[in-house]
Amino acid sequence: MTSRLAGAFRLGVCGLQKSQSEMGGYVRRMKGRLGKAEGTTAAAHKLARIVHGMIKSQKAYDEKEAFKITPQSASRRRKSLEKLAAALGFTLQPSAA
């Protein structure tokens, strides 16, 4: 039996499905990658983590803070792109910033 809170977060995710916000994009990506049920659950978990952080820090929701790119996520993305390029027979050259 699922909790009422989990159901409430899932219902909130359904409302975000067509939103043009970062969270709406996250919901669509997760549903596309994992399927409808698992994507909804993953997005509800993300929403729960955001709400928990807001309550714990006593700060208002800031979309830029919730979806900021960390050094770890940038490194993970770079490794993924390098692996994909190698699979396609390409090599990546870093550009001067």
PDB file of N, CA and C in Angstrom:
ATOM      1  N   MET A   1       0.841  -1.183   0.000  1.00  0.00           N
ATOM      2  CA  MET A   1       0.000   0.000   0.000  1.00  0.00           C
ATOM      3  C   MET A   1       0.889   1.251   0.000  1.00  0.00           C
ATOM      4  N   THR A   2       0.651   2.144  -0.923  1.00  0.00           N
ATOM      5  CA  THR A   2       1.449   3.361  -1.014  1.00  0.00           C
ATOM      6  C   THR A   2       0.903   4.420  -0.062  1.00  0.00           C
ATOM      7  N   SER A   3       1.771   5.320   0.332  1.00  0.00           N
ATOM      8  CA  SER A   3       1.351   6.371   1.261  1.00  0.00           C
ATOM      9  C   SER A   3       0.579   7.461   0.518  1.00  0.00           C
ATOM     10  N   ARG A   4      -0.153   8.224   1.277  1.00  0.00           N
ATOM     11  CA  ARG A   4      -0.905   9.335   0.688  1.00  0.00           C
ATOM     12  C   ARG A   4       0.032  10.412   0.157  1.00  0.00           C
ATOM     13  N   LEU A   5       1.142  10.581   0.840  1.00  0.00           N
ATOM     14  CA  LEU A   5       2.104  11.587   0.400  1.00  0.00           C
ATOM     15  C   LEU A   5       2.708  11.216  -0.954  1.00  0.00           C
ATOM     16  N   ALA A   6       3.034   9.931  -1.132  1.00  0.00           N
ATOM     17  CA  ALA A   6       3.561   9.476  -2.424  1.00  0.00           C
ATOM     18  C   ALA A   6       2.538   9.712  -3.530  1.00  0.00           C
ATOM     19  N   GLY A   7       1.288   9.441  -3.231  1.00  0.00           N
ATOM     20  CA  GLY A   7       0.222   9.693  -4.207  1.00  0.00           C
ATOM     21  C   GLY A   7       0.081  11.168  -4.532  1.00  0.00           C
ATOM     22  N   ALA A   8       0.250  12.003  -3.516  1.00  0.00           N
ATOM     23  CA  ALA A   8       0.156  13.449  -3.737  1.00  0.00           C
ATOM     24  C   ALA A   8       1.297  13.928  -4.635  1.00  0.00           C
ATOM     25  N   PHE A   9       2.515  13.407  -4.413  1.00  0.00           N
ATOM     26  CA  PHE A   9       3.642  13.797  -5.273  1.00  0.00           C
ATOM     27  C   PHE A   9       3.438  13.296  -6.696  1.00  0.00           C
ATOM     28  N   ARG A  10       2.911  12.092  -6.857  1.00  0.00           N
ATOM     29  CA  ARG A  10       2.624  11.581  -8.207  1.00  0.00           C
ATOM     30  C   ARG A  10       1.582  12.442  -8.901  1.00  0.00           C
ATOM     31  N   LEU A  11       0.578  12.872  -8.156  1.00  0.00           N
ATOM     32  CA  LEU A  11      -0.455  13.746  -8.713  1.00  0.00           C
ATOM     33  C   LEU A  11       0.151  15.088  -9.121  1.00  0.00           C
ATOM     34  N   GLY A  12       1.072  15.587  -8.315  1.00  0.00           N
ATOM     35  CA  GLY A  12       1.772  16.825  -8.660  1.00  0.00           C
ATOM     36  C   GLY A  12       2.584  16.673  -9.939  1.00  0.00           C
ATOM     37  N   VAL A  13       3.180  15.509 -10.128  1.00  0.00           N
ATOM     38  CA  VAL A  13       3.954  15.241 -11.343  1.00  0.00           C
ATOM     39  C   VAL A  13       3.041  15.242 -12.565  1.00  0.00           C
ATOM     40  N   CYS A  14       1.833  14.695 -12.403  1.00  0.00           N
ATOM     41  CA  CYS A  14       0.887  14.706 -13.532  1.00  0.00           C
ATOM     42  C   CYS A  14       0.555  16.133 -13.952  1.00  0.00           C
ATOM     43  N   GLY A  15       0.498  17.030 -12.990  1.00  0.00           N
ATOM     44  CA  GLY A  15       0.242  18.439 -13.298  1.00  0.00           C
ATOM     45  C   GLY A  15       1.410  19.116 -13.984  1.00  0.00           C
ATOM     46  N   LEU A  16       2.605  18.594 -13.778  1.00  0.00           N
ATOM     47  CA  LEU A  16       3.801  19.178 -14.388  1.00  0.00           C
ATOM     48  C   LEU A  16       4.081  18.653 -15.792  1.00  0.00           C
ATOM     49  N   GLN A  17       3.353  17.645 -16.223  1.00  0.00           N
ATOM     50  CA  GLN A  17       3.622  16.971 -17.496  1.00  0.00           C
ATOM     51  C   GLN A  17       3.747  17.941 -18.670  1.00  0.00           C
ATOM     52  N   LYS A  18       2.865  18.918 -18.750  1.00  0.00           N
ATOM     53  CA  LYS A  18       2.879  19.840 -19.897  1.00  0.00           C
ATOM     54  C   LYS A  18       3.487  21.199 -19.560  1.00  0.00           C
ATOM     55  N   SER A  19       4.080  21.317 -18.384  1.00  0.00           N
ATOM     56  CA  SER A  19       4.689  22.569 -17.967  1.00  0.00           C
ATOM     57  C   SER A  19       5.952  22.846 -18.779  1.00  0.00           C
ATOM     58  N   GLN A  20       6.222  24.093 -19.069  1.00  0.00           N
ATOM     59  CA  GLN A  20       7.413  24.473 -19.825  1.00  0.00           C
ATOM     60  C   GLN A  20       8.594  24.788 -18.906  1.00  0.00           C
ATOM     61  N   SER A  21       8.510  24.396 -17.651  1.00  0.00           N
ATOM     62  CA  SER A  21       9.588  24.632 -16.693  1.00  0.00           C
ATOM     63  C   SER A  21      10.632  23.518 -16.793  1.00  0.00           C
ATOM     64  N   GLU A  22      11.730  23.682 -16.053  1.00  0.00           N
ATOM     65  CA  GLU A  22      12.767  22.651 -16.009  1.00  0.00           C
ATOM     66  C   GLU A  22      12.207  21.352 -15.445  1.00  0.00           C
ATOM     67  N   MET A  23      11.361  21.464 -14.430  1.00  0.00           N
ATOM     68  CA  MET A  23      10.778  20.263 -13.822  1.00  0.00           C
ATOM     69  C   MET A  23       9.857  19.559 -14.808  1.00  0.00           C
ATOM     70  N   GLY A  24       9.130  20.308 -15.613  1.00  0.00           N
ATOM     71  CA  GLY A  24       8.287  19.699 -16.641  1.00  0.00           C
ATOM     72  C   GLY A  24       9.124  18.939 -17.664  1.00  0.00           C
ATOM     73  N   GLY A  25      10.249  19.520 -18.052  1.00  0.00           N
ATOM     74  CA  GLY A  25      11.162  18.829 -18.961  1.00  0.00           C
ATOM     75  C   GLY A  25      11.732  17.575 -18.332  1.00  0.00           C
ATOM     76  N   TYR A  26      12.037  17.639 -17.039  1.00  0.00           N
ATOM     77  CA  TYR A  26      12.555  16.465 -16.328  1.00  0.00           C
ATOM     78  C   TYR A  26      11.512  15.348 -16.326  1.00  0.00           C
ATOM     79  N   VAL A  27      10.254  15.706 -16.072  1.00  0.00           N
ATOM     80  CA  VAL A  27       9.170  14.708 -16.067  1.00  0.00           C
ATOM     81  C   VAL A  27       9.082  14.034 -17.428  1.00  0.00           C
ATOM     82  N   ARG A  28       9.110  14.820 -18.502  1.00  0.00           N
ATOM     83  CA  ARG A  28       9.005  14.237 -19.847  1.00  0.00           C
ATOM     84  C   ARG A  28      10.207  13.356 -20.179  1.00  0.00           C
ATOM     85  N   ARG A  29      11.414  13.774 -19.768  1.00  0.00           N
ATOM     86  CA  ARG A  29      12.605  12.951 -20.020  1.00  0.00           C
ATOM     87  C   ARG A  29      12.533  11.629 -19.280  1.00  0.00           C
ATOM     88  N   MET A  30      12.118  11.670 -18.031  1.00  0.00           N
ATOM     89  CA  MET A  30      12.053  10.443 -17.238  1.00  0.00           C
ATOM     90  C   MET A  30      10.986   9.491 -17.774  1.00  0.00           C
ATOM     91  N   LYS A  31       9.839  10.019 -18.161  1.00  0.00           N
ATOM     92  CA  LYS A  31       8.797   9.169 -18.716  1.00  0.00           C
ATOM     93  C   LYS A  31       9.234   8.572 -20.049  1.00  0.00           C
ATOM     94  N   GLY A  32       9.955   9.345 -20.843  1.00  0.00           N
ATOM     95  CA  GLY A  32      10.443   8.827 -22.115  1.00  0.00           C
ATOM     96  C   GLY A  32      11.508   7.767 -21.929  1.00  0.00           C
ATOM     97  N   ARG A  33      12.348   7.933 -20.928  1.00  0.00           N
ATOM     98  CA  ARG A  33      13.453   7.008 -20.691  1.00  0.00           C
ATOM     99  C   ARG A  33      13.015   5.749 -19.954  1.00  0.00           C
ATOM    100  N   LEU A  34      12.137   5.909 -18.946  1.00  0.00           N
ATOM    101  CA  LEU A  34      11.807   4.795 -18.064  1.00  0.00           C
ATOM    102  C   LEU A  34      10.427   4.196 -18.293  1.00  0.00           C
ATOM    103  N   GLY A  35       9.585   4.885 -19.023  1.00  0.00           N
ATOM    104  CA  GLY A  35       8.204   4.443 -19.158  1.00  0.00           C
ATOM    105  C   GLY A  35       7.307   5.283 -18.265  1.00  0.00           C
ATOM    106  N   LYS A  36       6.000   5.137 -18.453  1.00  0.00           N
ATOM    107  CA  LYS A  36       5.054   6.016 -17.770  1.00  0.00           C
ATOM    108  C   LYS A  36       5.104   5.873 -16.246  1.00  0.00           C
ATOM    109  N   ALA A  37       4.967   4.667 -15.727  1.00  0.00           N
ATOM    110  CA  ALA A  37       4.889   4.463 -14.278  1.00  0.00           C
ATOM    111  C   ALA A  37       6.213   4.781 -13.586  1.00  0.00           C
ATOM    112  N   GLU A  38       7.307   4.239 -14.109  1.00  0.00           N
ATOM    113  CA  GLU A  38       8.608   4.451 -13.476  1.00  0.00           C
ATOM    114  C   GLU A  38       9.059   5.903 -13.613  1.00  0.00           C
ATOM    115  N   GLY A  39       8.743   6.528 -14.737  1.00  0.00           N
ATOM    116  CA  GLY A  39       9.088   7.929 -14.936  1.00  0.00           C
ATOM    117  C   GLY A  39       8.333   8.835 -13.975  1.00  0.00           C
ATOM    118  N   THR A  40       7.065   8.520 -13.751  1.00  0.00           N
ATOM    119  CA  THR A  40       6.272   9.287 -12.797  1.00  0.00           C
ATOM    120  C   THR A  40       6.845   9.145 -11.395  1.00  0.00           C
ATOM    121  N   THR A  41       7.221   7.917 -11.032  1.00  0.00           N
ATOM    122  CA  THR A  41       7.793   7.667  -9.710  1.00  0.00           C
ATOM    123  C   THR A  41       9.123   8.400  -9.542  1.00  0.00           C
ATOM    124  N   ALA A  42       9.972   8.372 -10.572  1.00  0.00           N
ATOM    125  CA  ALA A  42      11.263   9.053 -10.505  1.00  0.00           C
ATOM    126  C   ALA A  42      11.074  10.559 -10.359  1.00  0.00           C
ATOM    127  N   ALA A  43      10.148  11.125 -11.115  1.00  0.00           N
ATOM    128  CA  ALA A  43       9.896  12.563 -11.039  1.00  0.00           C
ATOM    129  C   ALA A  43       9.262  12.932  -9.693  1.00  0.00           C
ATOM    130  N   ALA A  44       8.408  12.065  -9.159  1.00  0.00           N
ATOM    131  CA  ALA A  44       7.817  12.312  -7.849  1.00  0.00           C
ATOM    132  C   ALA A  44       8.895  12.287  -6.767  1.00  0.00           C
ATOM    133  N   HIS A  45       9.878  11.409  -6.922  1.00  0.00           N
ATOM    134  CA  HIS A  45      10.988  11.346  -5.974  1.00  0.00           C
ATOM    135  C   HIS A  45      11.795  12.639  -6.031  1.00  0.00           C
ATOM    136  N   LYS A  46      12.063  13.126  -7.234  1.00  0.00           N
ATOM    137  CA  LYS A  46      12.791  14.392  -7.391  1.00  0.00           C
ATOM    138  C   LYS A  46      12.003  15.539  -6.759  1.00  0.00           C
ATOM    139  N   LEU A  47      10.698  15.554  -6.988  1.00  0.00           N
ATOM    140  CA  LEU A  47       9.845  16.582  -6.414  1.00  0.00           C
ATOM    141  C   LEU A  47       9.861  16.508  -4.883  1.00  0.00           C
ATOM    142  N   ALA A  48       9.851  15.302  -4.347  1.00  0.00           N
ATOM    143  CA  ALA A  48       9.901  15.120  -2.893  1.00  0.00           C
ATOM    144  C   ALA A  48      11.228  15.619  -2.331  1.00  0.00           C
ATOM    145  N   ARG A  49      12.328  15.353  -3.044  1.00  0.00           N
ATOM    146  CA  ARG A  49      13.634  15.836  -2.588  1.00  0.00           C
ATOM    147  C   ARG A  49      13.688  17.359  -2.608  1.00  0.00           C
ATOM    148  N   ILE A  50      13.090  17.975  -3.623  1.00  0.00           N
ATOM    149  CA  ILE A  50      13.068  19.437  -3.706  1.00  0.00           C
ATOM    150  C   ILE A  50      12.252  20.016  -2.546  1.00  0.00           C
ATOM    151  N   VAL A  51      11.079  19.439  -2.285  1.00  0.00           N
ATOM    152  CA  VAL A  51      10.225  19.928  -1.199  1.00  0.00           C
ATOM    153  C   VAL A  51      10.925  19.736   0.149  1.00  0.00           C
ATOM    154  N   HIS A  52      11.574  18.597   0.329  1.00  0.00           N
ATOM    155  CA  HIS A  52      12.299  18.348   1.582  1.00  0.00           C
ATOM    156  C   HIS A  52      13.409  19.382   1.771  1.00  0.00           C
ATOM    157  N   GLY A  53      14.131  19.677   0.715  1.00  0.00           N
ATOM    158  CA  GLY A  53      15.189  20.688   0.800  1.00  0.00           C
ATOM    159  C   GLY A  53      14.654  22.061   1.115  1.00  0.00           C
ATOM    160  N   MET A  54      13.488  22.388   0.558  1.00  0.00           N
ATOM    161  CA  MET A  54      12.872  23.681   0.843  1.00  0.00           C
ATOM    162  C   MET A  54      12.464  23.783   2.311  1.00  0.00           C
ATOM    163  N   ILE A  55      11.897  22.708   2.839  1.00  0.00           N
ATOM    164  CA  ILE A  55      11.469  22.711   4.229  1.00  0.00           C
ATOM    165  C   ILE A  55      12.680  22.776   5.154  1.00  0.00           C
ATOM    166  N   LYS A  56      13.698  22.001   4.828  1.00  0.00           N
ATOM    167  CA  LYS A  56      14.886  21.930   5.686  1.00  0.00           C
ATOM    168  C   LYS A  56      15.645  23.257   5.712  1.00  0.00           C
ATOM    169  N   SER A  57      15.794  23.891   4.555  1.00  0.00           N
ATOM    170  CA  SER A  57      16.572  25.128   4.489  1.00  0.00           C
ATOM    171  C   SER A  57      15.731  26.383   4.713  1.00  0.00           C
ATOM    172  N   GLN A  58      14.412  26.245   4.755  1.00  0.00           N
ATOM    173  CA  GLN A  58      13.503  27.379   4.933  1.00  0.00           C
ATOM    174  C   GLN A  58      13.677  28.422   3.832  1.00  0.00           C
ATOM    175  N   LYS A  59      13.914  27.956   2.603  1.00  0.00           N
ATOM    176  CA  LYS A  59      14.071  28.848   1.456  1.00  0.00           C
ATOM    177  C   LYS A  59      12.985  28.561   0.427  1.00  0.00           C
ATOM    178  N   ALA A  60      12.673  29.572  -0.356  1.00  0.00           N
ATOM    179  CA  ALA A  60      11.690  29.419  -1.426  1.00  0.00           C
ATOM    180  C   ALA A  60      12.285  28.603  -2.571  1.00  0.00           C
ATOM    181  N   TYR A  61      11.408  28.069  -3.409  1.00  0.00           N
ATOM    182  CA  TYR A  61      11.846  27.263  -4.549  1.00  0.00           C
ATOM    183  C   TYR A  61      12.589  28.133  -5.549  1.00  0.00           C
ATOM    184  N   ASP A  62      13.757  27.690  -5.941  1.00  0.00           N
ATOM    185  CA  ASP A  62      14.547  28.366  -6.960  1.00  0.00           C
ATOM    186  C   ASP A  62      14.905  27.322  -8.009  1.00  0.00           C
ATOM    187  N   GLU A  63      14.323  27.454  -9.184  1.00  0.00           N
ATOM    188  CA  GLU A  63      14.521  26.460 -10.232  1.00  0.00           C
ATOM    189  C   GLU A  63      15.982  26.352 -10.653  1.00  0.00           C
ATOM    190  N   LYS A  64      16.690  27.452 -10.676  1.00  0.00           N
ATOM    191  CA  LYS A  64      18.109  27.420 -11.046  1.00  0.00           C
ATOM    192  C   LYS A  64      18.920  26.632 -10.030  1.00  0.00           C
ATOM    193  N   GLU A  65      18.565  26.748  -8.761  1.00  0.00           N
ATOM    194  CA  GLU A  65      19.270  26.004  -7.712  1.00  0.00           C
ATOM    195  C   GLU A  65      18.938  24.512  -7.781  1.00  0.00           C
ATOM    196  N   ALA A  66      17.683  24.196  -8.087  1.00  0.00           N
ATOM    197  CA  ALA A  66      17.261  22.797  -8.132  1.00  0.00           C
ATOM    198  C   ALA A  66      17.874  22.047  -9.318  1.00  0.00           C
ATOM    199  N   PHE A  67      18.149  22.745 -10.407  1.00  0.00           N
ATOM    200  CA  PHE A  67      18.653  22.094 -11.614  1.00  0.00           C
ATOM    201  C   PHE A  67      20.026  22.613 -12.017  1.00  0.00           C
ATOM    202  N   LYS A  68      20.824  23.046 -11.048  1.00  0.00           N
ATOM    203  CA  LYS A  68      22.143  23.571 -11.385  1.00  0.00           C
ATOM    204  C   LYS A  68      23.074  22.438 -11.824  1.00  0.00           C
ATOM    205  N   ILE A  69      24.040  22.794 -12.641  1.00  0.00           N
ATOM    206  CA  ILE A  69      25.011  21.822 -13.136  1.00  0.00           C
ATOM    207  C   ILE A  69      26.190  21.812 -12.172  1.00  0.00           C
ATOM    208  N   THR A  70      26.405  20.666 -11.551  1.00  0.00           N
ATOM    209  CA  THR A  70      27.505  20.519 -10.604  1.00  0.00           C
ATOM    210  C   THR A  70      28.735  20.012 -11.343  1.00  0.00           C
ATOM    211  N   PRO A  71      29.913  20.149 -10.756  1.00  0.00           N
ATOM    212  CA  PRO A  71      31.116  19.600 -11.403  1.00  0.00           C
ATOM    213  C   PRO A  71      31.008  18.088 -11.647  1.00  0.00           C
ATOM    214  N   GLN A  72      30.340  17.373 -10.744  1.00  0.00           N
ATOM    215  CA  GLN A  72      30.173  15.935 -10.925  1.00  0.00           C
ATOM    216  C   GLN A  72      29.275  15.619 -12.118  1.00  0.00           C
ATOM    217  N   SER A  73      28.183  16.374 -12.265  1.00  0.00           N
ATOM    218  CA  SER A  73      27.287  16.107 -13.385  1.00  0.00           C
ATOM    219  C   SER A  73      27.935  16.508 -14.712  1.00  0.00           C
ATOM    220  N   ALA A  74      28.742  17.569 -14.708  1.00  0.00           N
ATOM    221  CA  ALA A  74      29.446  17.984 -15.930  1.00  0.00           C
ATOM    222  C   ALA A  74      30.474  16.929 -16.328  1.00  0.00           C
ATOM    223  N   SER A  75      31.180  16.382 -15.350  1.00  0.00           N
ATOM    224  CA  SER A  75      32.165  15.337 -15.619  1.00  0.00           C
ATOM    225  C   SER A  75      31.482  14.080 -16.156  1.00  0.00           C
ATOM    226  N   ARG A  76      30.356  13.712 -15.549  1.00  0.00           N
ATOM    227  CA  ARG A  76      29.605  12.538 -15.989  1.00  0.00           C
ATOM    228  C   ARG A  76      29.107  12.728 -17.416  1.00  0.00           C
ATOM    229  N   ARG A  77      28.640  13.929 -17.731  1.00  0.00           N
ATOM    230  CA  ARG A  77      28.153  14.213 -19.084  1.00  0.00           C
ATOM    231  C   ARG A  77      29.291  14.168 -20.104  1.00  0.00           C
ATOM    232  N   ARG A  78      30.463  14.721 -19.740  1.00  0.00           N
ATOM    233  CA  ARG A  78      31.619  14.704 -20.632  1.00  0.00           C
ATOM    234  C   ARG A  78      32.061  13.268 -20.928  1.00  0.00           C
ATOM    235  N   LYS A  79      32.117  12.428 -19.900  1.00  0.00           N
ATOM    236  CA  LYS A  79      32.505  11.024 -20.091  1.00  0.00           C
ATOM    237  C   LYS A  79      31.513  10.306 -20.994  1.00  0.00           C
ATOM    238  N   SER A  80      30.233  10.599 -20.799  1.00  0.00           N
ATOM    239  CA  SER A  80      29.202   9.980 -21.628  1.00  0.00           C
ATOM    240  C   SER A  80      29.348  10.390 -23.091  1.00  0.00           C
ATOM    241  N   LEU A  81      29.609  11.668 -23.330  1.00  0.00           N
ATOM    242  CA  LEU A  81      29.781  12.150 -24.702  1.00  0.00           C
ATOM    243  C   LEU A  81      31.038  11.576 -25.345  1.00  0.00           C
ATOM    244  N   GLU A  82      32.123  11.453 -24.552  1.00  0.00           N
ATOM    245  CA  GLU A  82      33.346  10.861 -25.087  1.00  0.00           C
ATOM    246  C   GLU A  82      33.128   9.400 -25.465  1.00  0.00           C
ATOM    247  N   LYS A  83      32.383   8.680 -24.649  1.00  0.00           N
ATOM    248  CA  LYS A  83      32.098   7.274 -24.929  1.00  0.00           C
ATOM    249  C   LYS A  83      31.242   7.137 -26.183  1.00  0.00           C
ATOM    250  N   LEU A  84      30.249   8.013 -26.322  1.00  0.00           N
ATOM    251  CA  LEU A  84      29.387   7.996 -27.498  1.00  0.00           C
ATOM    252  C   LEU A  84      30.174   8.337 -28.760  1.00  0.00           C
ATOM    253  N   ALA A  85      31.044   9.328 -28.677  1.00  0.00           N
ATOM    254  CA  ALA A  85      31.866   9.709 -29.832  1.00  0.00           C
ATOM    255  C   ALA A  85      32.790   8.565 -30.226  1.00  0.00           C
ATOM    256  N   ALA A  86      33.391   7.889 -29.251  1.00  0.00           N
ATOM    257  CA  ALA A  86      34.271   6.759 -29.547  1.00  0.00           C
ATOM    258  C   ALA A  86      33.494   5.622 -30.210  1.00  0.00           C
ATOM    259  N   ALA A  87      32.269   5.379 -29.773  1.00  0.00           N
ATOM    260  CA  ALA A  87      31.445   4.328 -30.373  1.00  0.00           C
ATOM    261  C   ALA A  87      31.097   4.653 -31.827  1.00  0.00           C
ATOM    262  N   LEU A  88      31.013   5.943 -32.147  1.00  0.00           N
ATOM    263  CA  LEU A  88      30.705   6.360 -33.520  1.00  0.00           C
ATOM    264  C   LEU A  88      31.956   6.575 -34.361  1.00  0.00           C
ATOM    265  N   GLY A  89      33.137   6.386 -33.753  1.00  0.00           N
ATOM    266  CA  GLY A  89      34.388   6.514 -34.493  1.00  0.00           C
ATOM    267  C   GLY A  89      34.957   7.916 -34.531  1.00  0.00           C
ATOM    268  N   PHE A  90      34.561   8.762 -33.611  1.00  0.00           N
ATOM    269  CA  PHE A  90      35.049  10.134 -33.553  1.00  0.00           C
ATOM    270  C   PHE A  90      35.901  10.326 -32.301  1.00  0.00           C
ATOM    271  N   THR A  91      36.700  11.371 -32.299  1.00  0.00           N
ATOM    272  CA  THR A  91      37.412  11.778 -31.090  1.00  0.00           C
ATOM    273  C   THR A  91      37.046  13.225 -30.805  1.00  0.00           C
ATOM    274  N   LEU A  92      36.934  13.538 -29.539  1.00  0.00           N
ATOM    275  CA  LEU A  92      36.588  14.901 -29.133  1.00  0.00           C
ATOM    276  C   LEU A  92      37.834  15.674 -28.782  1.00  0.00           C
ATOM    277  N   GLN A  93      37.898  16.912 -29.244  1.00  0.00           N
ATOM    278  CA  GLN A  93      39.017  17.800 -28.940  1.00  0.00           C
ATOM    279  C   GLN A  93      38.480  18.945 -28.084  1.00  0.00           C
ATOM    280  N   PRO A  94      39.064  19.190 -26.900  1.00  0.00           N
ATOM    281  CA  PRO A  94      38.599  20.321 -26.099  1.00  0.00           C
ATOM    282  C   PRO A  94      38.898  21.645 -26.799  1.00  0.00           C
ATOM    283  N   SER A  95      37.950  22.564 -26.700  1.00  0.00           N
ATOM    284  CA  SER A  95      38.144  23.867 -27.321  1.00  0.00           C
ATOM    285  C   SER A  95      38.626  24.857 -26.273  1.00  0.00           C
ATOM    286  N   ALA A  96      39.276  25.906 -26.733  1.00  0.00           N
ATOM    287  CA  ALA A  96      39.729  26.959 -25.823  1.00  0.00           C
ATOM    288  C   ALA A  96      38.521  27.801 -25.430  1.00  0.00           C
ATOM    289  N   ALA A  97      38.270  27.915 -24.141  1.00  0.00           N
ATOM    290  CA  ALA A  97      37.088  28.639 -23.680  1.00  0.00           C
ATOM    291  C   ALA A  97      37.246  30.111 -23.683  1.00  0.00           C
TER     292      ALA A  97
END
